[in-house]
Amino acid sequence: LSVSVTGAITSVGILRDGAASMELALPDVDPQQRRDL
């Protein structure tokens, strides 16, 4: 799957339990695209 999403998108690094992760927040997209993702 390759999906392009437009809108207000935020990407941020987070630290949880001593491990670095990435958090990607996508806008509330159409229901089918959300289910696909």
All heavy atoms as atom14 arrays in JSON, in Angstrom:
{
  "sequence": "LSVSVTGAITSVGILRDGAASMELALPDVDPQQRRDL",
  "atom14_mask": [
    [1, 1, 1, 1, 1, 1, 1, 1, 0, 0, 0, 0, 0, 0],
    [1, 1, 1, 1, 1, 1, 0, 0, 0, 0, 0, 0, 0, 0],
    [1, 1, 1, 1, 1, 1, 1, 0, 0, 0, 0, 0, 0, 0],
    [1, 1, 1, 1, 1, 1, 0, 0, 0, 0, 0, 0, 0, 0],
    [1, 1, 1, 1, 1, 1, 1, 0, 0, 0, 0, 0, 0, 0],
    [1, 1, 1, 1, 1, 1, 1, 0, 0, 0, 0, 0, 0, 0],
    [1, 1, 1, 1, 0, 0, 0, 0, 0, 0, 0, 0, 0, 0],
    [1, 1, 1, 1, 1, 0, 0, 0, 0, 0, 0, 0, 0, 0],
    [1, 1, 1, 1, 1, 1, 1, 1, 0, 0, 0, 0, 0, 0],
    [1, 1, 1, 1, 1, 1, 1, 0, 0, 0, 0, 0, 0, 0],
    [1, 1, 1, 1, 1, 1, 0, 0, 0, 0, 0, 0, 0, 0],
    [1, 1, 1, 1, 1, 1, 1, 0, 0, 0, 0, 0, 0, 0],
    [1, 1, 1, 1, 0, 0, 0, 0, 0, 0, 0, 0, 0, 0],
    [1, 1, 1, 1, 1, 1, 1, 1, 0, 0, 0, 0, 0, 0],
    [1, 1, 1, 1, 1, 1, 1, 1, 0, 0, 0, 0, 0, 0],
    [1, 1, 1, 1, 1, 1, 1, 1, 1, 1, 1, 0, 0, 0],
    [1, 1, 1, 1, 1, 1, 1, 1, 0, 0, 0, 0, 0, 0],
    [1, 1, 1, 1, 0, 0, 0, 0, 0, 0, 0, 0, 0, 0],
    [1, 1, 1, 1, 1, 0, 0, 0, 0, 0, 0, 0, 0, 0],
    [1, 1, 1, 1, 1, 0, 0, 0, 0, 0, 0, 0, 0, 0],
    [1, 1, 1, 1, 1, 1, 0, 0, 0, 0, 0, 0, 0, 0],
    [1, 1, 1, 1, 1, 1, 1, 1, 0, 0, 0, 0, 0, 0],
    [1, 1, 1, 1, 1, 1, 1, 1, 1, 0, 0, 0, 0, 0],
    [1, 1, 1, 1, 1, 1, 1, 1, 0, 0, 0, 0, 0, 0],
    [1, 1, 1, 1, 1, 0, 0, 0, 0, 0, 0, 0, 0, 0],
    [1, 1, 1, 1, 1, 1, 1, 1, 0, 0, 0, 0, 0, 0],
    [1, 1, 1, 1, 1, 1, 1, 0, 0, 0, 0, 0, 0, 0],
    [1, 1, 1, 1, 1, 1, 1, 1, 0, 0, 0, 0, 0, 0],
    [1, 1, 1, 1, 1, 1, 1, 0, 0, 0, 0, 0, 0, 0],
    [1, 1, 1, 1, 1, 1, 1, 1, 0, 0, 0, 0, 0, 0],
    [1, 1, 1, 1, 1, 1, 1, 0, 0, 0, 0, 0, 0, 0],
    [1, 1, 1, 1, 1, 1, 1, 1, 1, 0, 0, 0, 0, 0],
    [1, 1, 1, 1, 1, 1, 1, 1, 1, 0, 0, 0, 0, 0],
    [1, 1, 1, 1, 1, 1, 1, 1, 1, 1, 1, 0, 0, 0],
    [1, 1, 1, 1, 1, 1, 1, 1, 1, 1, 1, 0, 0, 0],
    [1, 1, 1, 1, 1, 1, 1, 1, 0, 0, 0, 0, 0, 0],
    [1, 1, 1, 1, 1, 1, 1, 1, 0, 0, 0, 0, 0, 0]
  ],
  "atom14_positions": [
    [[0.82, -1.2, 0.0], [0.0, 0.0, 0.0], [0.86, 1.25, 0.0], [1.81, 1.37, 0.77], [-0.9, 0.02, 1.24], [-1.8, 1.24, 1.39], [-2.92, 1.18, 0.36], [-2.37, 1.29, 2.79], [0.0, 0.0, 0.0], [0.0, 0.0, 0.0], [0.0, 0.0, 0.0], [0.0, 0.0, 0.0], [0.0, 0.0, 0.0], [0.0, 0.0, 0.0]],
    [[0.55, 2.17, -0.88], [1.17, 3.49, -0.89], [0.04, 4.5, -0.95], [-0.77, 4.48, -1.87], [2.1, 3.64, -2.1], [2.71, 4.9, -2.07], [0.0, 0.0, 0.0], [0.0, 0.0, 0.0], [0.0, 0.0, 0.0], [0.0, 0.0, 0.0], [0.0, 0.0, 0.0], [0.0, 0.0, 0.0], [0.0, 0.0, 0.0], [0.0, 0.0, 0.0]],
    [[-0.03, 5.35, 0.06], [-1.14, 6.3, 0.18], [-0.59, 7.7, 0.38], [0.35, 7.9, 1.15], [-2.04, 5.93, 1.39], [-3.13, 6.97, 1.58], [-2.64, 4.56, 1.22], [0.0, 0.0, 0.0], [0.0, 0.0, 0.0], [0.0, 0.0, 0.0], [0.0, 0.0, 0.0], [0.0, 0.0, 0.0], [0.0, 0.0, 0.0], [0.0, 0.0, 0.0]],
    [[-1.19, 8.65, -0.31], [-0.86, 10.05, -0.12], [-2.02, 10.69, 0.64], [-3.17, 10.55, 0.25], [-0.68, 10.71, -1.49], [-0.35, 12.06, -1.32], [0.0, 0.0, 0.0], [0.0, 0.0, 0.0], [0.0, 0.0, 0.0], [0.0, 0.0, 0.0], [0.0, 0.0, 0.0], [0.0, 0.0, 0.0], [0.0, 0.0, 0.0], [0.0, 0.0, 0.0]],
    [[-1.69, 11.37, 1.73], [-2.71, 12.04, 2.55], [-2.34, 13.52, 2.62], [-1.18, 13.86, 2.84], [-2.75, 11.44, 3.97], [-3.74, 12.18, 4.85], [-3.09, 9.96, 3.93], [0.0, 0.0, 0.0], [0.0, 0.0, 0.0], [0.0, 0.0, 0.0], [0.0, 0.0, 0.0], [0.0, 0.0, 0.0], [0.0, 0.0, 0.0], [0.0, 0.0, 0.0]],
    [[-3.32, 14.38, 2.44], [-3.1, 15.82, 2.53], [-3.9, 16.39, 3.69], [-4.88, 15.81, 4.13], [-3.49, 16.53, 1.23], [-4.87, 16.27, 0.96], [-2.64, 16.08, 0.06], [0.0, 0.0, 0.0], [0.0, 0.0, 0.0], [0.0, 0.0, 0.0], [0.0, 0.0, 0.0], [0.0, 0.0, 0.0], [0.0, 0.0, 0.0], [0.0, 0.0, 0.0]],
    [[-3.45, 17.52, 4.18], [-4.1, 18.18, 5.3], [-3.06, 18.57, 6.33], [-1.87, 18.62, 6.05], [0.0, 0.0, 0.0], [0.0, 0.0, 0.0], [0.0, 0.0, 0.0], [0.0, 0.0, 0.0], [0.0, 0.0, 0.0], [0.0, 0.0, 0.0], [0.0, 0.0, 0.0], [0.0, 0.0, 0.0], [0.0, 0.0, 0.0], [0.0, 0.0, 0.0]],
    [[-3.5, 18.86, 7.53], [-2.6, 19.23, 8.63], [-1.97, 17.96, 9.19], [-2.65, 17.16, 9.82], [-3.35, 19.98, 9.7], [0.0, 0.0, 0.0], [0.0, 0.0, 0.0], [0.0, 0.0, 0.0], [0.0, 0.0, 0.0], [0.0, 0.0, 0.0], [0.0, 0.0, 0.0], [0.0, 0.0, 0.0], [0.0, 0.0, 0.0], [0.0, 0.0, 0.0]],
    [[-0.68, 17.78, 8.95], [0.04, 16.57, 9.35], [1.18, 16.95, 10.27], [1.89, 17.93, 10.02], [0.58, 15.83, 8.1], [-0.6, 15.43, 7.21], [1.42, 14.62, 8.5], [-0.22, 15.12, 5.8], [0.0, 0.0, 0.0], [0.0, 0.0, 0.0], [0.0, 0.0, 0.0], [0.0, 0.0, 0.0], [0.0, 0.0, 0.0], [0.0, 0.0, 0.0]],
    [[1.37, 16.18, 11.33], [2.45, 16.43, 12.28], [3.27, 15.17, 12.46], [2.73, 14.07, 12.61], [1.89, 16.86, 13.65], [1.07, 18.01, 13.47], [3.01, 17.17, 14.63], [0.0, 0.0, 0.0], [0.0, 0.0, 0.0], [0.0, 0.0, 0.0], [0.0, 0.0, 0.0], [0.0, 0.0, 0.0], [0.0, 0.0, 0.0], [0.0, 0.0, 0.0]],
    [[4.59, 15.34, 12.47], [5.52, 14.25, 12.74], [6.41, 14.71, 13.88], [6.95, 15.82, 13.86], [6.36, 13.96, 11.5], [7.33, 12.98, 11.77], [0.0, 0.0, 0.0], [0.0, 0.0, 0.0], [0.0, 0.0, 0.0], [0.0, 0.0, 0.0], [0.0, 0.0, 0.0], [0.0, 0.0, 0.0], [0.0, 0.0, 0.0], [0.0, 0.0, 0.0]],
    [[6.58, 13.86, 14.89], [7.39, 14.25, 16.04], [8.07, 13.02, 16.63], [7.5, 11.92, 16.63], [6.52, 14.97, 17.12], [5.48, 14.05, 17.7], [7.4, 15.59, 18.2], [0.0, 0.0, 0.0], [0.0, 0.0, 0.0], [0.0, 0.0, 0.0], [0.0, 0.0, 0.0], [0.0, 0.0, 0.0], [0.0, 0.0, 0.0], [0.0, 0.0, 0.0]],
    [[9.27, 13.21, 17.1], [9.97, 12.16, 17.83], [9.51, 12.15, 19.27], [9.27, 13.21, 19.86], [0.0, 0.0, 0.0], [0.0, 0.0, 0.0], [0.0, 0.0, 0.0], [0.0, 0.0, 0.0], [0.0, 0.0, 0.0], [0.0, 0.0, 0.0], [0.0, 0.0, 0.0], [0.0, 0.0, 0.0], [0.0, 0.0, 0.0], [0.0, 0.0, 0.0]],
    [[9.34, 10.96, 19.83], [8.92, 10.84, 21.22], [9.84, 9.85, 21.93], [10.49, 9.02, 21.3], [7.45, 10.38, 21.35], [7.23, 9.06, 20.62], [6.51, 11.45, 20.82], [5.85, 8.47, 20.82], [0.0, 0.0, 0.0], [0.0, 0.0, 0.0], [0.0, 0.0, 0.0], [0.0, 0.0, 0.0], [0.0, 0.0, 0.0], [0.0, 0.0, 0.0]],
    [[9.89, 9.97, 23.23], [10.68, 9.06, 24.05], [9.74, 8.36, 25.01], [9.04, 9.01, 25.79], [11.75, 9.83, 24.83], [12.76, 9.0, 25.58], [13.58, 8.13, 24.63], [13.7, 9.9, 26.38], [0.0, 0.0, 0.0], [0.0, 0.0, 0.0], [0.0, 0.0, 0.0], [0.0, 0.0, 0.0], [0.0, 0.0, 0.0], [0.0, 0.0, 0.0]],
    [[9.67, 7.02, 24.9], [8.81, 6.21, 25.77], [9.62, 5.06, 26.32], [10.23, 4.32, 25.55], [7.65, 5.63, 24.97], [6.4, 6.38, 25.14], [5.22, 5.64, 24.54], [4.29, 6.65, 24.09], [3.52, 6.57, 23.05], [3.5, 5.49, 22.33], [2.74, 7.55, 22.72], [0.0, 0.0, 0.0], [0.0, 0.0, 0.0], [0.0, 0.0, 0.0]],
    [[9.63, 4.91, 27.61], [10.34, 3.81, 28.26], [11.79, 3.74, 27.8], [12.35, 2.66, 27.58], [9.64, 2.46, 27.98], [8.21, 2.44, 28.48], [7.95, 3.07, 29.53], [7.36, 1.82, 27.82], [0.0, 0.0, 0.0], [0.0, 0.0, 0.0], [0.0, 0.0, 0.0], [0.0, 0.0, 0.0], [0.0, 0.0, 0.0], [0.0, 0.0, 0.0]],
    [[12.41, 4.91, 27.6], [13.81, 4.98, 27.23], [14.11, 4.7, 25.77], [15.26, 4.66, 25.38], [0.0, 0.0, 0.0], [0.0, 0.0, 0.0], [0.0, 0.0, 0.0], [0.0, 0.0, 0.0], [0.0, 0.0, 0.0], [0.0, 0.0, 0.0], [0.0, 0.0, 0.0], [0.0, 0.0, 0.0], [0.0, 0.0, 0.0], [0.0, 0.0, 0.0]],
    [[13.09, 4.5, 24.94], [13.3, 4.22, 23.52], [12.69, 5.32, 22.67], [11.58, 5.78, 22.94], [12.68, 2.87, 23.15], [0.0, 0.0, 0.0], [0.0, 0.0, 0.0], [0.0, 0.0, 0.0], [0.0, 0.0, 0.0], [0.0, 0.0, 0.0], [0.0, 0.0, 0.0], [0.0, 0.0, 0.0], [0.0, 0.0, 0.0], [0.0, 0.0, 0.0]],
    [[13.42, 5.71, 21.63], [12.94, 6.75, 20.73], [12.0, 6.15, 19.7], [12.24, 5.07, 19.17], [14.12, 7.42, 20.04], [0.0, 0.0, 0.0], [0.0, 0.0, 0.0], [0.0, 0.0, 0.0], [0.0, 0.0, 0.0], [0.0, 0.0, 0.0], [0.0, 0.0, 0.0], [0.0, 0.0, 0.0], [0.0, 0.0, 0.0], [0.0, 0.0, 0.0]],
    [[10.92, 6.86, 19.43], [9.93, 6.46, 18.43], [9.53, 7.68, 17.63], [9.82, 8.81, 18.0], [8.68, 5.88, 19.09], [8.96, 4.7, 19.78], [0.0, 0.0, 0.0], [0.0, 0.0, 0.0], [0.0, 0.0, 0.0], [0.0, 0.0, 0.0], [0.0, 0.0, 0.0], [0.0, 0.0, 0.0], [0.0, 0.0, 0.0], [0.0, 0.0, 0.0]],
    [[8.82, 7.43, 16.53], [8.26, 8.5, 15.72], [6.75, 8.43, 15.81], [6.18, 7.34, 15.79], [8.66, 8.32, 14.25], [10.13, 8.54, 13.98], [10.68, 10.2, 14.41], [9.59, 11.22, 13.45], [0.0, 0.0, 0.0], [0.0, 0.0, 0.0], [0.0, 0.0, 0.0], [0.0, 0.0, 0.0], [0.0, 0.0, 0.0], [0.0, 0.0, 0.0]],
    [[6.13, 9.59, 15.93], [4.67, 9.64, 15.96], [4.21, 10.5, 14.79], [4.67, 11.62, 14.61], [4.2, 10.25, 17.27], [2.7, 10.18, 17.45], [2.29, 10.57, 18.85], [2.28, 9.7, 19.73], [2.0, 11.77, 19.05], [0.0, 0.0, 0.0], [0.0, 0.0, 0.0], [0.0, 0.0, 0.0], [0.0, 0.0, 0.0], [0.0, 0.0, 0.0]],
    [[3.33, 9.93, 13.97], [2.79, 10.6, 12.8], [1.3, 10.78, 13.02], [0.58, 9.81, 13.24], [3.04, 9.75, 11.56], [2.51, 10.27, 10.23], [3.23, 11.56, 9.85], [2.71, 9.21, 9.15], [0.0, 0.0, 0.0], [0.0, 0.0, 0.0], [0.0, 0.0, 0.0], [0.0, 0.0, 0.0], [0.0, 0.0, 0.0], [0.0, 0.0, 0.0]],
    [[0.83, 12.03, 13.0], [-0.59, 12.32, 13.18], [-1.16, 12.8, 11.85], [-0.73, 13.83, 11.31], [-0.8, 13.36, 14.27], [0.0, 0.0, 0.0], [0.0, 0.0, 0.0], [0.0, 0.0, 0.0], [0.0, 0.0, 0.0], [0.0, 0.0, 0.0], [0.0, 0.0, 0.0], [0.0, 0.0, 0.0], [0.0, 0.0, 0.0], [0.0, 0.0, 0.0]],
    [[-2.11, 12.03, 11.33], [-2.74, 12.33, 10.05], [-4.14, 12.88, 10.3], [-4.8, 12.47, 11.25], [-2.85, 11.06, 9.21], [-1.54, 10.33, 8.94], [-1.82, 9.0, 8.26], [-0.64, 11.18, 8.09], [0.0, 0.0, 0.0], [0.0, 0.0, 0.0], [0.0, 0.0, 0.0], [0.0, 0.0, 0.0], [0.0, 0.0, 0.0], [0.0, 0.0, 0.0]],
    [[-4.58, 13.79, 9.44], [-5.94, 14.33, 9.63], [-6.97, 13.22, 9.49], [-6.69, 12.16, 8.93], [-6.07, 15.35, 8.49], [-5.08, 14.93, 7.47], [-3.96, 14.27, 8.22], [0.0, 0.0, 0.0], [0.0, 0.0, 0.0], [0.0, 0.0, 0.0], [0.0, 0.0, 0.0], [0.0, 0.0, 0.0], [0.0, 0.0, 0.0], [0.0, 0.0, 0.0]],
    [[-8.15, 13.47, 10.0], [-9.24, 12.51, 9.9], [-9.62, 12.38, 8.42], [-10.31, 13.23, 7.88], [-10.43, 12.97, 10.73], [-11.5, 11.91, 10.84], [-11.21, 10.74, 10.5], [-12.61, 12.23, 11.26], [0.0, 0.0, 0.0], [0.0, 0.0, 0.0], [0.0, 0.0, 0.0], [0.0, 0.0, 0.0], [0.0, 0.0, 0.0], [0.0, 0.0, 0.0]],
    [[-9.1, 11.34, 7.78], [-9.31, 11.13, 6.35], [-10.62, 10.38, 6.12], [-11.29, 9.98, 7.07], [-8.12, 10.36, 5.74], [-6.87, 11.2, 5.81], [-7.9, 9.03, 6.42], [0.0, 0.0, 0.0], [0.0, 0.0, 0.0], [0.0, 0.0, 0.0], [0.0, 0.0, 0.0], [0.0, 0.0, 0.0], [0.0, 0.0, 0.0], [0.0, 0.0, 0.0]],
    [[-10.95, 10.17, 4.86], [-12.21, 9.47, 4.58], [-12.17, 8.07, 5.2], [-11.1, 7.47, 5.35], [-12.51, 9.45, 3.08], [-11.67, 8.46, 2.31], [-11.9, 7.25, 2.45], [-10.78, 8.9, 1.56], [0.0, 0.0, 0.0], [0.0, 0.0, 0.0], [0.0, 0.0, 0.0], [0.0, 0.0, 0.0], [0.0, 0.0, 0.0], [0.0, 0.0, 0.0]],
    [[-13.32, 7.54, 5.58], [-13.36, 6.27, 6.32], [-12.66, 5.1, 5.63], [-11.97, 4.32, 6.29], [-14.86, 6.0, 6.47], [-15.49, 7.34, 6.41], [-14.65, 8.13, 5.44], [0.0, 0.0, 0.0], [0.0, 0.0, 0.0], [0.0, 0.0, 0.0], [0.0, 0.0, 0.0], [0.0, 0.0, 0.0], [0.0, 0.0, 0.0], [0.0, 0.0, 0.0]],
    [[-12.79, 4.97, 4.32], [-12.15, 3.84, 3.64], [-10.63, 3.99, 3.66], [-9.91, 3.03, 3.9], [-12.63, 3.72, 2.19], [-12.06, 2.5, 1.47], [-12.39, 1.18, 2.18], [-13.54, 0.94, 2.53], [-11.39, 0.37, 2.43], [0.0, 0.0, 0.0], [0.0, 0.0, 0.0], [0.0, 0.0, 0.0], [0.0, 0.0, 0.0], [0.0, 0.0, 0.0]],
    [[-10.12, 5.2, 3.44], [-8.67, 5.42, 3.48], [-8.15, 5.14, 4.89], [-7.09, 4.56, 5.06], [-8.34, 6.84, 3.04], [-6.86, 7.06, 2.81], [-6.59, 8.44, 2.26], [-7.12, 9.44, 2.75], [-5.75, 8.51, 1.25], [0.0, 0.0, 0.0], [0.0, 0.0, 0.0], [0.0, 0.0, 0.0], [0.0, 0.0, 0.0], [0.0, 0.0, 0.0]],
    [[-8.9, 5.55, 5.9], [-8.49, 5.29, 7.28], [-8.43, 3.79, 7.54], [-7.46, 3.3, 8.11], [-9.48, 5.97, 8.25], [-9.11, 5.77, 9.7], [-9.99, 6.58, 10.64], [-11.4, 6.31, 10.45], [-12.3, 7.22, 10.05], [-11.94, 8.45, 9.78], [-13.57, 6.89, 9.91], [0.0, 0.0, 0.0], [0.0, 0.0, 0.0], [0.0, 0.0, 0.0]],
    [[-9.42, 3.04, 7.09], [-9.4, 1.58, 7.27], [-8.22, 0.95, 6.53], [-7.56, 0.06, 7.06], [-10.72, 0.97, 6.8], [-11.87, 1.18, 7.76], [-13.1, 0.38, 7.36], [-13.7, 0.86, 6.13], [-14.62, 1.82, 6.07], [-15.05, 2.4, 7.18], [-15.12, 2.22, 4.91], [0.0, 0.0, 0.0], [0.0, 0.0, 0.0], [0.0, 0.0, 0.0]],
    [[-7.95, 1.44, 5.32], [-6.81, 0.92, 4.55], [-5.5, 1.16, 5.28], [-4.65, 0.27, 5.37], [-6.74, 1.57, 3.17], [-7.87, 1.13, 2.25], [-8.56, 0.13, 2.56], [-8.06, 1.81, 1.22], [0.0, 0.0, 0.0], [0.0, 0.0, 0.0], [0.0, 0.0, 0.0], [0.0, 0.0, 0.0], [0.0, 0.0, 0.0], [0.0, 0.0, 0.0]],
    [[-5.33, 2.38, 5.81], [-4.1, 2.69, 6.55], [-3.98, 1.85, 7.82], [-2.91, 1.32, 8.11], [-4.07, 4.17, 6.92], [-3.69, 5.14, 5.81], [-3.99, 6.56, 6.24], [-2.23, 4.98, 5.44], [0.0, 0.0, 0.0], [0.0, 0.0, 0.0], [0.0, 0.0, 0.0], [0.0, 0.0, 0.0], [0.0, 0.0, 0.0], [0.0, 0.0, 0.0]]
  ]
}
